[in-house]
C-alpha atoms as a PDB file:
ATOM      1  CA  MET A   1     131.952 125.853-117.495  1.00  0.00           C
ATOM      2  CA  ALA A   2     134.365 128.685-116.224  1.00  0.00           C
ATOM      3  CA  SER A   3     138.160 127.280-116.671  1.00  0.00           C
ATOM      4  CA  SER A   4     138.585 126.380-113.095  1.00  0.00           C
ATOM      5  CA  ALA A   5     135.342 123.164-113.704  1.00  0.00           C
ATOM      6  CA  SER A   6     137.244 119.943-113.118  1.00  0.00           C
ATOM      7  CA  ALA A   7     136.484 116.413-114.853  1.00  0.00           C
ATOM      8  CA  SER A   8     134.282 115.334-112.154  1.00  0.00           C
ATOM      9  CA  ASP A   9     132.718 119.345-111.627  1.00  0.00           C
ATOM     10  CA  GLN A  10     131.266 118.172-116.067  1.00  0.00           C
ATOM     11  CA  THR A  11     131.012 114.727-115.096  1.00  0.00           C
ATOM     12  CA  ALA A  12     128.494 116.240-112.811  1.00  0.00           C
ATOM     13  CA  LEU A  13     126.969 118.664-115.043  1.00  0.00           C
ATOM     14  CA  ALA A  14     125.987 116.030-117.576  1.00  0.00           C
ATOM     15  CA  LEU A  15     124.143 113.955-115.255  1.00  0.00           C
ATOM     16  CA  GLY A  16     121.934 117.410-114.570  1.00  0.00           C
ATOM     17  CA  LEU A  17     123.584 118.333-110.603  1.00  0.00           C
ATOM     18  CA  LEU A  18     126.699 120.131-110.300  1.00  0.00           C
ATOM     19  CA  ILE A  19     128.241 120.185-107.059  1.00  0.00           C
ATOM     20  CA  ILE A  20     130.410 122.604-106.052  1.00  0.00           C
ATOM     21  CA  LYS A  21     132.023 124.458-102.086  1.00  0.00           C
ATOM     22  CA  SER A  22     131.911 127.726-103.068  1.00  0.00           C
ATOM     23  CA  ILE A  23     130.392 130.155-105.741  1.00  0.00           C
ATOM     24  CA  ASP A  24     133.224 132.015-106.466  1.00  0.00           C
ATOM     25  CA  ARG A  25     134.560 128.254-108.290  1.00  0.00           C
ATOM     26  CA  LEU A  26     131.997 129.636-110.825  1.00  0.00           C
ATOM     27  CA  GLY A  27     134.343 132.454-112.044  1.00  0.00           C
ATOM     28  CA  ARG A  28     136.629 135.560-111.150  1.00  0.00           C
ATOM     29  CA  ASN A  29     134.443 138.172-111.298  1.00  0.00           C
ATOM     30  CA  TYR A  30     130.990 139.087-110.636  1.00  0.00           C
ATOM     31  CA  SER A  31     129.807 139.086-114.486  1.00  0.00           C
ATOM     32  CA  GLU A  32     131.373 135.767-114.934  1.00  0.00           C
ATOM     33  CA  ILE A  33     129.649 134.152-112.013  1.00  0.00           C
ATOM     34  CA  GLN A  34     126.106 135.000-113.065  1.00  0.00           C
ATOM     35  CA  GLN A  35     126.611 134.062-116.894  1.00  0.00           C
ATOM     36  CA  GLU A  36     128.001 130.620-116.050  1.00  0.00           C
ATOM     37  CA  TRP A  37     124.953 130.596-113.241  1.00  0.00           C
ATOM     38  CA  GLN A  38     122.684 131.469-115.940  1.00  0.00           C
ATOM     39  CA  LYS A  39     124.276 128.794-118.626  1.00  0.00           C
ATOM     40  CA  ILE A  40     124.189 126.021-116.202  1.00  0.00           C
ATOM     41  CA  THR A  41     120.855 126.426-114.596  1.00  0.00           C
ATOM     42  CA  LYS A  42     118.317 128.011-117.559  1.00  0.00           C
ATOM     43  CA  THR A  43     120.753 126.867-120.629  1.00  0.00           C
ATOM     44  CA  LYS A  44     121.890 123.405-119.202  1.00  0.00           C
ATOM     45  CA  LYS A  45     118.539 122.635-117.114  1.00  0.00           C
ATOM     46  CA  ALA A  46     121.037 121.472-114.330  1.00  0.00           C
ATOM     47  CA  ASP A  47     120.285 121.846-111.124  1.00  0.00           C
ATOM     48  CA  ILE A  48     123.443 123.381-108.048  1.00  0.00           C
ATOM     49  CA  ILE A  49     124.585 122.932-104.998  1.00  0.00           C
ATOM     50  CA  VAL A  50     126.589 125.250-103.245  1.00  0.00           C
ATOM     51  CA  LEU A  51     128.315 123.544-100.016  1.00  0.00           C
ATOM     52  CA  ASP A  52     128.826 126.498 -98.127  1.00  0.00           C
ATOM     53  CA  MET A  53     125.329 128.338 -99.104  1.00  0.00           C
ATOM     54  CA  PRO A  54     122.409 125.958 -98.954  1.00  0.00           C
ATOM     55  CA  LEU A  55     120.201 129.142-100.073  1.00  0.00           C
ATOM     56  CA  LEU A  56     121.920 128.672-103.689  1.00  0.00           C
ATOM     57  CA  ASP A  57     120.530 124.753-103.935  1.00  0.00           C
ATOM     58  CA  THR A  58     118.498 124.582-106.962  1.00  0.00           C
ATOM     59  CA  THR A  59     117.052 121.804-106.229  1.00  0.00           C
ATOM     60  CA  GLN A  60     115.055 123.195-103.605  1.00  0.00           C
ATOM     61  CA  SER A  61     112.029 125.071-104.180  1.00  0.00           C
ATOM     62  CA  LYS A  62     111.648 124.956-107.981  1.00  0.00           C
ATOM     63  CA  ASP A  63     108.648 127.290-107.074  1.00  0.00           C
ATOM     64  CA  LEU A  64     109.248 131.423-108.257  1.00  0.00           C
ATOM     65  CA  LEU A  65     109.396 132.137-104.599  1.00  0.00           C
ATOM     66  CA  GLY A  66     112.569 130.289-104.469  1.00  0.00           C
ATOM     67  CA  THR A  67     113.710 130.910-107.258  1.00  0.00           C
ATOM     68  CA  PHE A  68     113.932 134.629-107.090  1.00  0.00           C
ATOM     69  CA  ILE A  69     115.374 133.687-103.543  1.00  0.00           C
ATOM     70  CA  ALA A  70     118.144 132.118-105.420  1.00  0.00           C
ATOM     71  CA  ASP A  71     118.386 134.722-107.775  1.00  0.00           C
ATOM     72  CA  LEU A  72     118.861 137.305-105.228  1.00  0.00           C
ATOM     73  CA  VAL A  73     120.921 135.760-103.195  1.00  0.00           C
ATOM     74  CA  LEU A  74     123.405 135.062-105.835  1.00  0.00           C
ATOM     75  CA  GLN A  75     123.508 138.546-106.861  1.00  0.00           C
ATOM     76  CA  LEU A  76     124.523 139.703-104.022  1.00  0.00           C
ATOM     77  CA  LEU A  77     127.108 136.490-103.029  1.00  0.00           C
ATOM     78  CA  SER A  78     128.727 137.663-106.589  1.00  0.00           C
ATOM     79  CA  PHE A  79     128.781 141.088-105.349  1.00  0.00           C
ATOM     80  CA  VAL A  80     130.657 140.321-102.680  1.00  0.00           C
ATOM     81  CA  SER A  81     133.119 138.001-103.987  1.00  0.00           C
ATOM     82  CA  GLU A  82     134.630 140.465-106.719  1.00  0.00           C
ATOM     83  CA  ASN A  83     134.329 143.534-104.521  1.00  0.00           C
ATOM     84  CA  GLU A  84     136.880 141.058-102.189  1.00  0.00           C
ATOM     85  CA  ARG A  85     138.854 140.138-105.340  1.00  0.00           C
ATOM     86  CA  ILE A  86     139.296 143.773-105.713  1.00  0.00           C
ATOM     87  CA  ASN A  87     139.970 144.616-101.842  1.00  0.00           C
ATOM     88  CA  ILE A  88     142.560 142.375-102.175  1.00  0.00           C
ATOM     89  CA  LEU A  89     144.221 143.204-105.821  1.00  0.00           C
ATOM     90  CA  GLN A  90     144.585 146.715-104.513  1.00  0.00           C
ATOM     91  CA  ARG A  91     145.826 145.928-101.154  1.00  0.00           C
ATOM     92  CA  GLN A  92     148.323 143.847-102.751  1.00  0.00           C
ATOM     93  CA  ALA A  93     149.064 146.736-104.876  1.00  0.00           C
ATOM     94  CA  GLU A  94     149.613 148.491-101.956  1.00  0.00           C
ATOM     95  CA  GLY A  95     152.071 145.851-100.058  1.00  0.00           C
ATOM     96  CA  ILE A  96     154.628 146.214-102.998  1.00  0.00           C
ATOM     97  CA  GLU A  97     154.540 149.594-103.097  1.00  0.00           C
ATOM     98  CA  ALA A  98     155.406 150.227 -99.780  1.00  0.00           C
ATOM     99  CA  ALA A  99     157.930 147.056-100.069  1.00  0.00           C
ATOM    100  CA  LYS A 100     159.561 148.848-102.908  1.00  0.00           C
ATOM    101  CA  LYS A 101     159.368 152.827-100.765  1.00  0.00           C
ATOM    102  CA  ARG A 102     161.677 150.538 -98.277  1.00  0.00           C
ATOM    103  CA  GLY A 103     163.836 149.317-101.035  1.00  0.00           C
ATOM    104  CA  VAL A 104     163.147 145.712-100.492  1.00  0.00           C
ATOM    105  CA  LYS A 105     163.715 144.258-104.597  1.00  0.00           C
ATOM    106  CA  PHE A 106     161.730 141.878-106.547  1.00  0.00           C
ATOM    107  CA  GLY A 107     162.685 138.829-109.005  1.00  0.00           C
ATOM    108  CA  ARG A 108     165.581 136.788-109.319  1.00  0.00           C
ATOM    109  CA  PRO A 109     168.775 138.505-107.722  1.00  0.00           C
ATOM    110  CA  LYS A 110     171.448 139.633-110.496  1.00  0.00           C
ATOM    111  CA  PHE A 111     174.489 137.309-111.449  1.00  0.00           C
ATOM    112  CA  THR A 112     177.629 139.019-110.702  1.00  0.00           C
ATOM    113  CA  PRO A 113     180.165 136.750-111.595  1.00  0.00           C
ATOM    114  CA  THR A 114     182.737 136.047-109.278  1.00  0.00           C
ATOM    115  CA  LYS A 115     186.809 135.840-110.093  1.00  0.00           C
ATOM    116  CA  GLU A 116     186.327 132.234-109.296  1.00  0.00           C
ATOM    117  CA  TYR A 117     183.808 131.831-112.561  1.00  0.00           C
ATOM    118  CA  ALA A 118     185.574 134.270-115.022  1.00  0.00           C
ATOM    119  CA  LEU A 119     188.225 131.399-114.118  1.00  0.00           C
ATOM    120  CA  ASN A 120     186.348 128.541-114.517  1.00  0.00           C
ATOM    121  CA  TYR A 121     184.702 129.535-117.453  1.00  0.00           C
ATOM    122  CA  MET A 122     187.991 130.473-119.341  1.00  0.00           C
ATOM    123  CA  LEU A 123     189.373 127.473-118.259  1.00  0.00           C
ATOM    124  CA  TRP A 124     185.972 125.351-119.496  1.00  0.00           C
ATOM    125  CA  LYS A 125     186.298 127.457-122.739  1.00  0.00           C
ATOM    126  CA  ASP A 126     189.869 126.878-123.062  1.00  0.00           C
ATOM    127  CA  LYS A 127     189.521 123.020-123.090  1.00  0.00           C
ATOM    128  CA  LYS A 128     191.263 122.785-119.780  1.00  0.00           C
ATOM    129  CA  ILE A 129     188.469 121.719-118.061  1.00  0.00           C
ATOM    130  CA  SER A 130     185.178 119.839-118.612  1.00  0.00           C
ATOM    131  CA  ALA A 131     181.849 122.541-118.563  1.00  0.00           C
ATOM    132  CA  GLN A 132     180.491 120.100-115.289  1.00  0.00           C
ATOM    133  CA  GLN A 133     184.253 120.596-112.986  1.00  0.00           C
ATOM    134  CA  GLY A 134     184.076 124.196-113.692  1.00  0.00           C
ATOM    135  CA  ALA A 135     180.032 124.170-112.426  1.00  0.00           C
ATOM    136  CA  GLU A 136     180.744 121.948-109.406  1.00  0.00           C
ATOM    137  CA  ASN A 137     183.838 123.985-109.043  1.00  0.00           C
ATOM    138  CA  CYS A 138     181.986 127.700-108.906  1.00  0.00           C
ATOM    139  CA  ASN A 139     179.093 125.571-106.633  1.00  0.00           C
ATOM    140  CA  MET A 140     176.396 125.679-109.256  1.00  0.00           C
ATOM    141  CA  SER A 141     174.342 123.687-111.937  1.00  0.00           C
ATOM    142  CA  LEU A 142     175.798 123.127-115.571  1.00  0.00           C
ATOM    143  CA  ARG A 143     172.750 124.600-117.002  1.00  0.00           C
ATOM    144  CA  ALA A 144     173.639 127.462-114.662  1.00  0.00           C
ATOM    145  CA  PHE A 145     177.272 127.826-115.711  1.00  0.00           C
ATOM    146  CA  TYR A 146     176.336 127.838-119.578  1.00  0.00           C
ATOM    147  CA  ARG A 147     173.651 130.169-119.004  1.00  0.00           C
ATOM    148  CA  TYR A 148     175.900 132.815-117.292  1.00  0.00           C
ATOM    149  CA  GLY A 149     178.619 132.330-119.730  1.00  0.00           C
ATOM    150  CA  ASP A 150     176.663 133.240-122.073  1.00  0.00           C
ATOM    151  CA  ARG A 151     175.719 136.067-121.441  1.00  0.00           C
ATOM    152  CA  ILE A 152     178.258 137.803-119.734  1.00  0.00           C
ATOM    153  CA  LYS A 153     181.441 139.068-122.943  1.00  0.00           C
ATOM    154  CA  PHE A 154     185.163 138.805-121.025  1.00  0.00           C
END
């Protein structure tokens, strides 16, 4: 099964039936979906019910025509699924590029020590206050107080 399979999916598969909400739960792209479908239906000889696409219910119509229709619909939906994923990634990349051109900065803001921080850090280093007191004076967590002090040379 694909890495997104839950324990209940695996239990159902052991019983010979897998019920999934959508075909994209089988994989991230066209080939993964195809491979998982083949593995489940042909190798493990289990049935699949796709709730949002009744045409892919392999418990129905096990004749040649039913199998052909299910395989054809699977091919089409797998293609559409991968194409949509590619489009989403492209739109996301375009949005990030546009944001960068507007000057949007991504990630955590860089820490710039204040005079208050430098004073408290030096007091702590000289053992005049506790690290906890220094962190409280600077309105930051104890871990941040240590982390930033280790990075900054005074």
